[in-house]
Protein backbone atom coordinates (compact mmCIF):
# COMPACT_ATOMS: atom_id res chain seq x y z
CA MET A 1 116.56 262.27 41.82
CA ALA A 2 120.17 261.36 42.59
CA GLU A 3 120.73 260.36 46.20
CA ALA A 4 123.52 262.93 46.50
CA ASP A 5 121.12 265.73 45.51
CA ALA A 6 118.50 264.47 47.96
CA ALA A 7 121.07 264.32 50.76
CA PHE A 8 122.28 267.82 49.90
CA VAL A 9 118.86 269.47 50.07
CA ARG A 10 117.95 267.59 53.25
CA SER A 11 121.12 268.94 54.84
CA LEU A 12 119.79 272.47 54.28
CA VAL A 13 116.61 271.95 56.34
CA ILE A 14 116.47 274.05 59.52
CA TYR A 15 112.79 273.47 60.40
CA ALA A 16 109.91 271.30 59.21
CA ASP A 17 106.36 270.50 60.26
CA SER A 18 103.17 269.41 58.50
CA SER A 19 102.61 272.93 57.09
CA LEU A 20 105.99 274.25 56.05
CA ILE A 21 109.64 273.46 55.59
CA ALA A 22 112.49 275.96 55.98
CA PHE A 23 115.99 275.90 54.53
CA ASN A 24 119.27 277.72 55.04
CA LYS A 25 120.02 278.26 51.35
CA PRO A 26 123.70 278.58 50.45
CA SER A 27 125.01 281.39 48.29
CA GLY A 28 125.18 280.33 44.65
CA LEU A 29 122.12 278.05 44.66
CA PRO A 30 119.37 279.60 42.49
CA VAL A 31 115.80 279.35 43.73
CA GLN A 32 114.50 279.02 40.15
CA THR A 33 115.96 279.57 36.67
CA ARG A 34 114.80 279.29 33.08
CA ASN A 35 117.63 276.88 32.27
CA ARG A 36 116.32 273.33 32.52
CA ASP A 37 119.80 271.98 33.31
CA ASP A 38 120.46 274.18 36.36
CA GLN A 39 120.32 272.73 39.85
CA THR A 40 117.81 274.89 41.72
CA LEU A 41 116.15 274.74 45.12
CA ASP A 42 112.78 274.42 43.39
CA ARG A 43 113.88 271.29 41.51
CA LEU A 44 115.47 269.85 44.65
CA MET A 45 112.01 269.95 46.29
CA ALA A 46 111.47 266.60 44.56
CA ALA A 47 113.36 265.03 47.46
CA PHE A 48 110.33 265.75 49.66
CA ALA A 49 107.65 264.51 47.25
CA ARG A 50 104.87 262.46 48.82
CA SER A 51 103.52 259.20 47.44
CA ASN A 52 100.92 261.12 45.40
CA GLY A 53 103.68 263.11 43.69
CA LYS A 54 102.91 266.39 45.44
CA ARG A 55 105.92 268.20 46.86
CA PRO A 56 106.58 271.40 48.84
CA ARG A 57 106.03 274.68 47.03
CA LEU A 58 108.31 277.69 47.49
CA VAL A 59 106.33 280.80 48.43
CA HIS A 60 109.01 283.52 48.18
CA ARG A 61 112.45 284.03 46.68
CA LEU A 62 116.03 284.91 47.48
CA ASP A 63 118.58 286.07 44.93
CA ALA A 64 120.85 283.22 43.87
CA GLN A 65 123.91 284.74 45.57
CA THR A 66 122.03 285.60 48.79
CA SER A 67 122.16 282.95 51.51
CA GLY A 68 119.76 282.29 54.35
CA VAL A 69 116.21 281.48 55.36
CA ILE A 70 113.74 280.48 52.67
CA ILE A 71 110.52 278.53 53.19
CA ALA A 72 108.22 276.24 51.24
CA ALA A 73 104.65 275.21 51.93
CA GLN A 74 103.83 271.54 52.49
CA THR A 75 100.16 271.87 51.42
CA GLN A 76 98.06 274.07 49.15
CA PRO A 77 96.22 275.76 52.09
CA ALA A 78 99.59 276.49 53.71
CA ALA A 79 100.88 277.93 50.43
CA ALA A 80 97.89 280.27 50.21
CA ALA A 81 98.28 281.39 53.83
CA LEU A 82 102.03 281.96 53.56
CA SER A 83 101.72 283.81 50.25
CA LYS A 84 99.09 286.06 51.82
CA ALA A 85 101.36 286.75 54.80
CA PHE A 86 104.11 287.95 52.46
CA ALA A 87 101.68 289.98 50.35
CA ASP A 88 100.18 291.60 53.46
CA ARG A 89 103.67 292.40 54.82
CA GLU A 90 103.14 290.25 57.90
CA ALA A 91 106.49 288.53 57.34
CA GLN A 92 109.31 290.17 59.29
CA LYS A 93 112.71 289.64 57.66
CA THR A 94 116.16 290.43 59.04
CA TYR A 95 119.31 290.32 56.92
CA LEU A 96 123.01 290.79 57.50
CA ALA A 97 124.93 292.88 54.97
CA LEU A 98 128.61 293.73 54.77
CA VAL A 99 128.97 297.06 52.98
CA SER A 100 131.76 299.45 52.04
CA GLY A 101 131.67 303.22 52.17
CA PRO A 102 131.64 306.08 54.65
CA ALA A 103 130.81 305.29 58.25
CA PRO A 104 127.12 305.79 59.09
CA GLU A 105 126.58 309.07 60.92
CA ALA A 106 123.85 307.49 63.06
CA ALA A 107 123.43 304.11 64.71
CA GLU A 108 120.37 303.31 62.64
CA GLY A 109 118.08 304.77 60.01
CA GLU A 110 115.73 304.27 57.08
CA ILE A 111 116.06 304.39 53.29
CA ALA A 112 112.91 305.22 51.36
CA HIS A 113 113.90 305.72 47.71
CA GLU A 114 111.18 304.76 45.25
CA LEU A 115 112.47 302.12 42.82
CA ALA A 116 111.87 301.21 39.19
CA ARG A 117 112.94 298.27 37.03
CA TYR A 118 115.02 298.75 33.92
CA ALA A 119 116.69 296.56 31.31
CA ALA A 120 120.44 296.77 31.90
CA ARG A 121 120.99 294.58 28.84
CA PRO A 122 119.01 291.91 27.03
CA GLY A 123 118.03 289.28 29.57
CA LEU A 124 119.17 291.30 32.62
CA GLU A 125 116.64 293.37 34.55
CA LEU A 126 117.85 295.49 37.46
CA MET A 127 116.49 298.22 39.73
CA ARG A 128 117.32 301.92 40.02
CA ALA A 129 116.03 304.95 41.84
CA ALA A 130 112.73 306.00 40.29
CA ARG A 131 112.80 309.15 38.19
CA PRO A 132 110.12 311.83 37.88
CA GLY A 133 107.42 310.53 35.57
CA ASP A 134 108.26 306.81 35.98
CA GLN A 135 104.91 305.13 35.47
CA HIS A 136 105.89 301.97 37.34
CA ALA A 137 107.73 303.47 40.31
CA GLN A 138 107.42 301.33 43.43
CA SER A 139 107.54 302.58 46.99
CA ALA A 140 110.23 300.85 49.05
CA LEU A 141 111.33 301.15 52.67
CA THR A 142 114.40 299.61 54.26
CA ARG A 143 115.51 299.97 57.88
CA TRP A 144 119.15 299.51 58.85
CA ARG A 145 121.21 299.32 62.02
CA ARG A 146 125.00 299.40 62.25
CA LEU A 147 126.38 296.39 64.13
CA ALA A 148 130.14 296.88 63.71
CA SER A 149 132.72 298.70 61.58
CA ALA A 150 136.34 298.13 60.62
CA GLY A 151 138.02 300.66 58.37
CA GLY A 152 135.71 301.34 55.45
CA LEU A 153 133.62 298.20 55.97
CA HIS A 154 130.41 298.02 58.01
CA LEU A 155 128.28 295.09 59.13
CA LEU A 156 124.63 296.14 59.02
CA GLU A 157 121.40 294.58 60.22
CA ILE A 158 118.76 295.17 57.55
CA ARG A 159 114.98 294.96 57.82
CA PRO A 160 113.10 295.49 54.54
CA LEU A 161 109.54 296.63 55.15
CA THR A 162 108.64 296.11 51.50
CA GLY A 163 109.68 293.31 49.18
CA ARG A 164 110.86 294.84 45.91
CA MET A 165 113.31 293.04 43.65
CA HIS A 166 116.91 293.70 44.76
CA GLN A 167 115.54 296.22 47.27
CA ILE A 168 118.26 295.86 49.89
CA ARG A 169 121.05 295.80 47.33
CA VAL A 170 119.95 298.92 45.44
CA HIS A 171 118.85 300.87 48.53
CA LEU A 172 122.21 300.38 50.25
CA SER A 173 124.05 301.29 47.07
CA LEU A 174 121.98 304.46 46.65
CA ASN A 175 122.89 305.35 50.24
CA GLY A 176 126.60 305.05 49.43
CA TRP A 177 127.04 301.56 50.90
CA PRO A 178 127.26 298.93 48.15
CA ILE A 179 127.21 295.36 49.43
CA LEU A 180 130.58 293.70 49.13
CA GLY A 181 130.59 291.20 46.26
CA ASP A 182 127.64 292.77 44.43
CA PRO A 183 128.53 293.02 40.71
CA TYR A 184 125.42 295.02 39.74
CA TYR A 185 125.19 297.73 42.39
CA GLY A 186 128.76 298.88 42.93
CA GLY A 187 130.23 296.23 45.22
CA ALA A 188 132.09 294.01 42.75
CA GLY A 189 135.47 294.49 44.39
CA GLY A 190 136.67 292.23 47.19
CA LEU A 191 138.63 292.85 50.37
CA ALA A 192 141.71 295.03 50.33
CA SER A 193 143.72 291.87 51.11
CA GLY A 194 142.80 290.59 47.64
CA GLY A 195 140.36 288.18 46.04
CA ARG A 196 136.72 288.47 45.14
CA VAL A 197 134.06 287.56 47.67
CA ARG A 198 130.52 286.23 47.47
CA LEU A 199 127.59 288.63 47.72
CA MET A 200 127.74 289.49 51.42
CA LEU A 201 124.00 289.41 52.06
CA HIS A 202 122.47 286.78 54.35
CA ALA A 203 118.81 286.30 55.34
CA ALA A 204 119.34 285.59 59.03
CA HIS A 205 115.82 285.62 60.49
CA LEU A 206 112.23 285.23 59.30
CA SER A 207 109.11 285.50 61.42
CA LEU A 208 105.55 285.18 60.10
CA PRO A 209 102.12 283.80 61.07
CA HIS A 210 102.12 280.02 61.16
CA PRO A 211 99.77 278.73 58.43
CA GLY A 212 98.50 275.77 60.45
CA ARG A 213 98.08 277.02 64.00
CA ALA A 214 97.79 280.15 66.12
CA GLY A 215 100.86 282.28 66.64
CA ARG A 216 103.98 282.92 64.62
CA VAL A 217 106.88 280.77 63.54
CA CYS A 218 110.33 282.31 64.01
CA LEU A 219 113.16 280.87 61.94
CA GLU A 220 116.89 281.50 62.18
CA ALA A 221 119.63 280.63 59.69
CA PRO A 222 123.14 280.92 61.13
CA ALA A 223 125.58 282.80 58.92
CA PRO A 224 127.49 280.26 56.79
CA ASP A 225 131.22 279.66 56.93
CA ASP A 226 131.97 281.60 53.74
CA PHE A 227 130.20 284.66 55.16
CA LEU A 228 131.97 284.36 58.52
CA ALA A 229 135.34 283.93 56.82
CA VAL A 230 134.99 287.28 55.04
CA LEU A 231 133.94 288.99 58.25
CA SER A 232 136.98 287.55 60.00
CA ALA A 233 139.30 288.66 57.19
CA ALA A 234 137.79 292.15 57.43
CA GLY A 235 138.41 292.28 61.19
CA LEU A 236 134.73 292.21 62.06
CA PRO A 237 133.04 290.08 64.75
CA ALA A 238 130.77 287.14 64.07
CA PRO A 239 127.15 288.34 64.10
CA ALA A 240 125.71 285.72 66.46
CA ASP A 241 125.61 288.03 69.49
CA LEU A 242 124.87 291.22 67.55
CA VAL A 243 121.59 290.55 65.72
CA SER A 244 118.30 290.95 67.55
CA GLY A 245 116.13 289.05 65.05
CA PRO A 246 112.63 290.01 63.90
CA GLY A 247 110.49 291.96 66.24
């Protein structure tokens, strides 16, 4: 591995112990792809390989354009324990999302549309609201809380209680609030001041049972500069003092 790549992935580390390692993944870095030439977080795990060749193993995913907390297991027992925690919904996740649309009528709420996958085009699978008779409809539940608004833009705190593909993105879009910068679910446009923006979705907090000891591990990934810059341009406050974290 090139030293520059190793230095880059090490700069993303926000927590590490003998059981797990956590990163603040930037927007635009895929977790995994089918293209052997792509730089991905999974391939960058080689920077942490031990003398026996074993390296950390990612146990969940983030969309390539989503930034924030993502973790990898340092050992096989830790991988099994962490994977079970996600499968059993013991992982509590909190995201930040900048959305456009009508102002929320309440301070907080839930979205519970069932979802189903569909082929948007060859090689591109997306999600939509499930229709009557969909054999593979999946239940999905997302909680939201409004943190701030400016004009037609709203900064939301999001807590997905299920982990469906693109769940937050499609649920918010179905509720009339596409995430700014989302090309697939209605948010492709940028700010009124001009210019496209990144997908404005950031995994800010993650709490789950620690795989190697009693208790939970609580991880926080500060919102990156590109996310904060869009908030500032939109006239919205930085989220540091607004988000309560998992609980």
